[in-house]
Amino acid sequence: MSQRQLTPPRPEQRRVEGIVIGASAGALEALSILLSKLPRDYPLPIFGVVHLPADGKSVLAECLQTKCVIRVREADDKEPIQSGTVYFAPPDYHLMLDSKQRLSLSSEEPVWYSRPSVDVLFESAAEVYGGSLIGIVLTGASPDGAHGLHAIEQAGGIALVQRPDLSYASTMPQAALDECARATALELTEIADYLLEVVAPK
């Protein structure tokens, strides 16, 4: 198992406009740790995919909102993007970005047996944000997210991965590390600290 301990680009060297996060098994605990450290007025939009059962209503956003001060909600189709908001894909829909101003939901075929798919979100965001995007792959038991994080890396964005040895399920972060040569493996608190640093006054 790879245990690369690289250093991500220094925050003052990069202009960041958006963040995407993907997770699966163990997601609630990992996201609770990560997102609870962000302030109410965090200035960037955050887009997330967690593998969810296709049937029924998700309570992911509601559960996370009880643990966070930053606004957390389930995304709606054609919804305008607002800074300081975390948007999660609803069950049985891929979450994509039409532009830096608008979200989009899709019922296209599942990827890695999942809809929503991390790869779909990440690839869409890479096209919209290019090098001003941070992609984060957290705990999970499938390789979904590795191709998408590679697309972010290829577009010039920043690729961060939860350390597999500290993840509830190591398959997803390890697959991302294996595919992305410049991805940085960090603890959850280190990822949160980095997200705060990229928006700190220079």
C-alpha atoms as a PDB file:
ATOM      1  CA  MET A   1       0.000   0.000   0.000  1.00  0.00           C
ATOM      2  CA  SER A   2       1.361   3.396  -0.961  1.00  0.00           C
ATOM      3  CA  GLN A   3       2.162   5.741   1.914  1.00  0.00           C
ATOM      4  CA  ARG A   4       3.339   8.790  -0.005  1.00  0.00           C
ATOM      5  CA  GLN A   5       3.628  11.827   2.223  1.00  0.00           C
ATOM      6  CA  LEU A   6       3.871  14.639  -0.286  1.00  0.00           C
ATOM      7  CA  THR A   7       3.242  18.296   0.317  1.00  0.00           C
ATOM      8  CA  PRO A   8       0.370  19.976  -1.580  1.00  0.00           C
ATOM      9  CA  PRO A   9       1.047  23.260  -3.400  1.00  0.00           C
ATOM     10  CA  ARG A  10       1.485  26.184  -1.034  1.00  0.00           C
ATOM     11  CA  PRO A  11      -1.872  27.991  -0.711  1.00  0.00           C
ATOM     12  CA  GLU A  12      -0.464  31.379  -1.661  1.00  0.00           C
ATOM     13  CA  GLN A  13       0.712  29.930  -4.975  1.00  0.00           C
ATOM     14  CA  ARG A  14      -2.757  28.902  -6.160  1.00  0.00           C
ATOM     15  CA  ARG A  15      -6.072  30.605  -6.820  1.00  0.00           C
ATOM     16  CA  VAL A  16      -8.868  28.241  -5.801  1.00  0.00           C
ATOM     17  CA  GLU A  17     -12.500  28.754  -6.854  1.00  0.00           C
ATOM     18  CA  GLY A  18     -14.166  25.436  -6.056  1.00  0.00           C
ATOM     19  CA  ILE A  19     -13.811  22.155  -4.146  1.00  0.00           C
ATOM     20  CA  VAL A  20     -15.152  18.682  -4.945  1.00  0.00           C
ATOM     21  CA  ILE A  21     -15.285  15.757  -2.513  1.00  0.00           C
ATOM     22  CA  GLY A  22     -16.051  12.077  -3.063  1.00  0.00           C
ATOM     23  CA  ALA A  23     -16.634   9.366  -0.474  1.00  0.00           C
ATOM     24  CA  SER A  24     -18.460   6.105   0.145  1.00  0.00           C
ATOM     25  CA  ALA A  25     -18.200   3.664   3.056  1.00  0.00           C
ATOM     26  CA  GLY A  26     -17.373   5.608   6.219  1.00  0.00           C
ATOM     27  CA  ALA A  27     -18.321   8.905   4.580  1.00  0.00           C
ATOM     28  CA  LEU A  28     -20.468  10.389   7.350  1.00  0.00           C
ATOM     29  CA  GLU A  29     -17.742  10.267   9.978  1.00  0.00           C
ATOM     30  CA  ALA A  30     -15.028  11.509   7.606  1.00  0.00           C
ATOM     31  CA  LEU A  31     -17.144  14.366   6.258  1.00  0.00           C
ATOM     32  CA  SER A  32     -18.222  15.342   9.763  1.00  0.00           C
ATOM     33  CA  ILE A  33     -14.587  15.753  10.789  1.00  0.00           C
ATOM     34  CA  LEU A  34     -13.637  17.626   7.621  1.00  0.00           C
ATOM     35  CA  LEU A  35     -16.603  19.962   7.166  1.00  0.00           C
ATOM     36  CA  SER A  36     -17.079  20.813  10.840  1.00  0.00           C
ATOM     37  CA  LYS A  37     -13.824  22.741  10.752  1.00  0.00           C
ATOM     38  CA  LEU A  38     -15.036  25.160   8.066  1.00  0.00           C
ATOM     39  CA  PRO A  39     -16.586  28.478   9.203  1.00  0.00           C
ATOM     40  CA  ARG A  40     -20.079  29.696   8.351  1.00  0.00           C
ATOM     41  CA  ASP A  41     -18.639  32.314   5.980  1.00  0.00           C
ATOM     42  CA  TYR A  42     -16.294  29.979   4.094  1.00  0.00           C
ATOM     43  CA  PRO A  43     -15.996  31.724   0.701  1.00  0.00           C
ATOM     44  CA  LEU A  44     -15.867  28.765  -1.709  1.00  0.00           C
ATOM     45  CA  PRO A  45     -18.584  26.426  -3.000  1.00  0.00           C
ATOM     46  CA  ILE A  46     -18.098  22.742  -2.216  1.00  0.00           C
ATOM     47  CA  PHE A  47     -19.658  19.896  -4.220  1.00  0.00           C
ATOM     48  CA  GLY A  48     -19.869  16.361  -2.903  1.00  0.00           C
ATOM     49  CA  VAL A  49     -20.847  12.861  -3.923  1.00  0.00           C
ATOM     50  CA  VAL A  50     -21.452  10.049  -1.457  1.00  0.00           C
ATOM     51  CA  HIS A  51     -22.631   6.668  -2.730  1.00  0.00           C
ATOM     52  CA  LEU A  52     -26.272   6.385  -1.651  1.00  0.00           C
ATOM     53  CA  PRO A  53     -29.035   3.800  -2.104  1.00  0.00           C
ATOM     54  CA  ALA A  54     -31.095   4.669  -5.170  1.00  0.00           C
ATOM     55  CA  ASP A  55     -34.424   4.294  -3.381  1.00  0.00           C
ATOM     56  CA  GLY A  56     -35.616   6.510  -0.595  1.00  0.00           C
ATOM     57  CA  LYS A  57     -34.736   9.925   0.758  1.00  0.00           C
ATOM     58  CA  SER A  58     -31.213  10.742   1.892  1.00  0.00           C
ATOM     59  CA  VAL A  59     -30.669  12.366   5.286  1.00  0.00           C
ATOM     60  CA  LEU A  60     -26.961  12.937   4.642  1.00  0.00           C
ATOM     61  CA  ALA A  61     -27.216  16.720   4.330  1.00  0.00           C
ATOM     62  CA  GLU A  62     -29.432  17.014   7.399  1.00  0.00           C
ATOM     63  CA  CYS A  63     -27.084  14.861   9.483  1.00  0.00           C
ATOM     64  CA  LEU A  64     -24.037  16.844   8.439  1.00  0.00           C
ATOM     65  CA  GLN A  65     -25.792  20.162   9.030  1.00  0.00           C
ATOM     66  CA  THR A  66     -26.223  19.243  12.694  1.00  0.00           C
ATOM     67  CA  LYS A  67     -22.439  18.915  12.960  1.00  0.00           C
ATOM     68  CA  CYS A  68     -21.374  21.901  10.830  1.00  0.00           C
ATOM     69  CA  VAL A  69     -21.855  25.664  10.765  1.00  0.00           C
ATOM     70  CA  ILE A  70     -21.221  25.941   7.027  1.00  0.00           C
ATOM     71  CA  ARG A  71     -24.434  25.550   5.019  1.00  0.00           C
ATOM     72  CA  VAL A  72     -25.039  21.958   3.833  1.00  0.00           C
ATOM     73  CA  ARG A  73     -27.828  21.001   1.432  1.00  0.00           C
ATOM     74  CA  GLU A  74     -28.919  18.503  -1.191  1.00  0.00           C
ATOM     75  CA  ALA A  75     -28.463  19.853  -4.703  1.00  0.00           C
ATOM     76  CA  ASP A  76     -31.385  20.724  -7.000  1.00  0.00           C
ATOM     77  CA  ASP A  77     -31.296  20.622 -10.794  1.00  0.00           C
ATOM     78  CA  LYS A  78     -30.383  23.975 -12.402  1.00  0.00           C
ATOM     79  CA  GLU A  79     -29.758  25.486  -8.960  1.00  0.00           C
ATOM     80  CA  PRO A  80     -27.551  28.601  -8.866  1.00  0.00           C
ATOM     81  CA  ILE A  81     -24.228  27.990  -7.127  1.00  0.00           C
ATOM     82  CA  GLN A  82     -23.573  30.005  -3.984  1.00  0.00           C
ATOM     83  CA  SER A  83     -20.271  30.369  -2.154  1.00  0.00           C
ATOM     84  CA  GLY A  84     -20.061  29.072   1.389  1.00  0.00           C
ATOM     85  CA  THR A  85     -22.413  26.163   0.612  1.00  0.00           C
ATOM     86  CA  VAL A  86     -21.805  22.424   0.482  1.00  0.00           C
ATOM     87  CA  TYR A  87     -23.941  20.701  -2.177  1.00  0.00           C
ATOM     88  CA  PHE A  88     -24.455  16.926  -2.152  1.00  0.00           C
ATOM     89  CA  ALA A  89     -25.838  14.834  -4.988  1.00  0.00           C
ATOM     90  CA  PRO A  90     -29.307  13.392  -4.246  1.00  0.00           C
ATOM     91  CA  PRO A  91     -29.943   9.644  -4.441  1.00  0.00           C
ATOM     92  CA  ASP A  92     -30.009   8.144  -7.959  1.00  0.00           C
ATOM     93  CA  TYR A  93     -28.723  11.301  -9.705  1.00  0.00           C
ATOM     94  CA  HIS A  94     -25.293  12.297 -10.929  1.00  0.00           C
ATOM     95  CA  LEU A  95     -24.247  15.786  -9.828  1.00  0.00           C
ATOM     96  CA  MET A  96     -22.494  17.907 -12.460  1.00  0.00           C
ATOM     97  CA  LEU A  97     -21.647  21.557 -13.049  1.00  0.00           C
ATOM     98  CA  ASP A  98     -23.116  23.416 -16.009  1.00  0.00           C
ATOM     99  CA  SER A  99     -20.809  26.342 -15.267  1.00  0.00           C
ATOM    100  CA  LYS A 100     -19.378  28.199 -12.294  1.00  0.00           C
ATOM    101  CA  GLN A 101     -22.890  29.565 -11.765  1.00  0.00           C
ATOM    102  CA  ARG A 102     -25.199  26.535 -12.028  1.00  0.00           C
ATOM    103  CA  LEU A 103     -25.579  22.898 -10.957  1.00  0.00           C
ATOM    104  CA  SER A 104     -27.024  20.083 -13.038  1.00  0.00           C
ATOM    105  CA  LEU A 105     -28.471  16.673 -12.175  1.00  0.00           C
ATOM    106  CA  SER A 106     -28.396  13.716 -14.555  1.00  0.00           C
ATOM    107  CA  SER A 107     -29.904  10.229 -14.635  1.00  0.00           C
ATOM    108  CA  GLU A 108     -27.345   8.858 -17.116  1.00  0.00           C
ATOM    109  CA  GLU A 109     -25.975   5.348 -16.603  1.00  0.00           C
ATOM    110  CA  PRO A 110     -24.260   4.509 -13.296  1.00  0.00           C
ATOM    111  CA  VAL A 111     -20.460   4.561 -13.142  1.00  0.00           C
ATOM    112  CA  TRP A 112     -18.781   1.824 -11.065  1.00  0.00           C
ATOM    113  CA  TYR A 113     -22.356   0.699 -10.308  1.00  0.00           C
ATOM    114  CA  SER A 114     -23.017   4.052  -8.648  1.00  0.00           C
ATOM    115  CA  ARG A 115     -25.354   6.926  -9.367  1.00  0.00           C
ATOM    116  CA  PRO A 116     -24.330   9.423  -8.092  1.00  0.00           C
ATOM    117  CA  SER A 117     -20.748   8.882  -9.230  1.00  0.00           C
ATOM    118  CA  VAL A 118     -17.651  10.631  -7.926  1.00  0.00           C
ATOM    119  CA  ASP A 119     -15.967  10.364 -11.331  1.00  0.00           C
ATOM    120  CA  VAL A 120     -18.860  12.128 -13.067  1.00  0.00           C
ATOM    121  CA  LEU A 121     -18.774  15.079 -10.649  1.00  0.00           C
ATOM    122  CA  PHE A 122     -14.980  15.397 -10.695  1.00  0.00           C
ATOM    123  CA  GLU A 123     -14.692  15.258 -14.490  1.00  0.00           C
ATOM    124  CA  SER A 124     -17.449  17.835 -14.890  1.00  0.00           C
ATOM    125  CA  ALA A 125     -15.851  20.150 -12.325  1.00  0.00           C
ATOM    126  CA  ALA A 126     -12.421  19.796 -13.949  1.00  0.00           C
ATOM    127  CA  GLU A 127     -13.868  21.033 -17.229  1.00  0.00           C
ATOM    128  CA  VAL A 128     -15.481  24.040 -15.533  1.00  0.00           C
ATOM    129  CA  TYR A 129     -12.808  25.065 -13.024  1.00  0.00           C
ATOM    130  CA  GLY A 130      -9.595  23.759 -14.567  1.00  0.00           C
ATOM    131  CA  GLY A 131      -6.581  24.573 -12.414  1.00  0.00           C
ATOM    132  CA  SER A 132      -8.591  26.495  -9.826  1.00  0.00           C
ATOM    133  CA  LEU A 133     -10.177  23.327  -8.395  1.00  0.00           C
ATOM    134  CA  ILE A 134      -9.339  21.134  -5.400  1.00  0.00           C
ATOM    135  CA  GLY A 135     -10.416  17.489  -5.640  1.00  0.00           C
ATOM    136  CA  ILE A 136     -10.597  15.342  -2.498  1.00  0.00           C
ATOM    137  CA  VAL A 137     -11.103  11.570  -2.344  1.00  0.00           C
ATOM    138  CA  LEU A 138     -12.032  10.171   1.058  1.00  0.00           C
ATOM    139  CA  THR A 139     -12.820   6.732   2.459  1.00  0.00           C
ATOM    140  CA  GLY A 140     -14.689   4.257   0.277  1.00  0.00           C
ATOM    141  CA  ALA A 141     -14.857   0.664  -0.897  1.00  0.00           C
ATOM    142  CA  SER A 142     -14.807   1.157  -4.683  1.00  0.00           C
ATOM    143  CA  PRO A 143     -12.366   2.733  -7.174  1.00  0.00           C
ATOM    144  CA  ASP A 144     -14.873   5.461  -8.088  1.00  0.00           C
ATOM    145  CA  GLY A 145     -13.134   8.838  -7.986  1.00  0.00           C
ATOM    146  CA  ALA A 146      -9.703   7.776  -9.211  1.00  0.00           C
ATOM    147  CA  HIS A 147     -10.356   8.678 -12.873  1.00  0.00           C
ATOM    148  CA  GLY A 148     -12.051  11.910 -11.871  1.00  0.00           C
ATOM    149  CA  LEU A 149      -9.212  12.975  -9.591  1.00  0.00           C
ATOM    150  CA  HIS A 150      -6.787  12.226 -12.415  1.00  0.00           C
ATOM    151  CA  ALA A 151      -8.840  14.532 -14.661  1.00  0.00           C
ATOM    152  CA  ILE A 152      -8.536  17.284 -12.041  1.00  0.00           C
ATOM    153  CA  GLU A 153      -4.788  16.689 -11.826  1.00  0.00           C
ATOM    154  CA  GLN A 154      -4.475  16.814 -15.630  1.00  0.00           C
ATOM    155  CA  ALA A 155      -6.412  20.094 -15.719  1.00  0.00           C
ATOM    156  CA  GLY A 156      -3.913  21.631 -13.302  1.00  0.00           C
ATOM    157  CA  GLY A 157      -5.998  21.320 -10.151  1.00  0.00           C
ATOM    158  CA  ILE A 158      -4.955  20.114  -6.712  1.00  0.00           C
ATOM    159  CA  ALA A 159      -5.497  16.435  -5.828  1.00  0.00           C
ATOM    160  CA  LEU A 160      -5.855  15.486  -2.147  1.00  0.00           C
ATOM    161  CA  VAL A 161      -6.572  12.026  -0.737  1.00  0.00           C
ATOM    162  CA  GLN A 162      -7.367  10.793   2.759  1.00  0.00           C
ATOM    163  CA  ARG A 163      -4.566   8.539   3.957  1.00  0.00           C
ATOM    164  CA  PRO A 164      -5.697   4.983   3.146  1.00  0.00           C
ATOM    165  CA  ASP A 165      -4.269   3.605   6.380  1.00  0.00           C
ATOM    166  CA  LEU A 166      -6.462   6.003   8.361  1.00  0.00           C
ATOM    167  CA  SER A 167      -9.614   5.477   6.282  1.00  0.00           C
ATOM    168  CA  TYR A 168     -12.609   3.368   7.271  1.00  0.00           C
ATOM    169  CA  ALA A 169     -12.362   1.771   3.804  1.00  0.00           C
ATOM    170  CA  SER A 170      -9.055   2.114   1.952  1.00  0.00           C
ATOM    171  CA  THR A 171     -10.025   1.042  -1.582  1.00  0.00           C
ATOM    172  CA  MET A 172     -11.199   4.422  -2.838  1.00  0.00           C
ATOM    173  CA  PRO A 173      -8.311   6.557  -1.560  1.00  0.00           C
ATOM    174  CA  GLN A 174      -5.734   3.941  -2.534  1.00  0.00           C
ATOM    175  CA  ALA A 175      -7.106   3.725  -6.096  1.00  0.00           C
ATOM    176  CA  ALA A 176      -6.875   7.511  -6.351  1.00  0.00           C
ATOM    177  CA  LEU A 177      -3.266   7.500  -5.142  1.00  0.00           C
ATOM    178  CA  ASP A 178      -2.380   4.736  -7.582  1.00  0.00           C
ATOM    179  CA  GLU A 179      -3.782   6.702 -10.532  1.00  0.00           C
ATOM    180  CA  CYS A 180      -2.689  10.227  -9.603  1.00  0.00           C
ATOM    181  CA  ALA A 181       1.064  10.754  -9.499  1.00  0.00           C
ATOM    182  CA  ARG A 182       0.850  14.179  -7.847  1.00  0.00           C
ATOM    183  CA  ALA A 183      -1.930  13.456  -5.334  1.00  0.00           C
ATOM    184  CA  THR A 184      -1.129  14.209  -1.701  1.00  0.00           C
ATOM    185  CA  ALA A 185      -2.163  11.767   1.063  1.00  0.00           C
ATOM    186  CA  LEU A 186      -3.168  13.592   4.252  1.00  0.00           C
ATOM    187  CA  GLU A 187      -5.052  13.065   7.485  1.00  0.00           C
ATOM    188  CA  LEU A 188      -8.566  14.542   7.598  1.00  0.00           C
ATOM    189  CA  THR A 189      -7.518  17.361   9.922  1.00  0.00           C
ATOM    190  CA  GLU A 190      -4.644  18.221   7.585  1.00  0.00           C
ATOM    191  CA  ILE A 191      -7.048  18.403   4.638  1.00  0.00           C
ATOM    192  CA  ALA A 192      -9.310  20.726   6.645  1.00  0.00           C
ATOM    193  CA  ASP A 193      -6.363  22.931   7.589  1.00  0.00           C
ATOM    194  CA  TYR A 194      -5.368  23.170   3.932  1.00  0.00           C
ATOM    195  CA  LEU A 195      -8.875  24.205   2.892  1.00  0.00           C
ATOM    196  CA  LEU A 196      -8.685  26.994   5.459  1.00  0.00           C
ATOM    197  CA  GLU A 197      -5.234  28.068   4.319  1.00  0.00           C
ATOM    198  CA  VAL A 198      -6.219  28.446   0.651  1.00  0.00           C
ATOM    199  CA  VAL A 199      -8.765  31.125   1.557  1.00  0.00           C
ATOM    200  CA  ALA A 200      -6.717  32.905   4.234  1.00  0.00           C
ATOM    201  CA  PRO A 201      -5.781  36.536   3.458  1.00  0.00           C
ATOM    202  CA  LYS A 202      -2.414  36.663   1.679  1.00  0.00           C
END
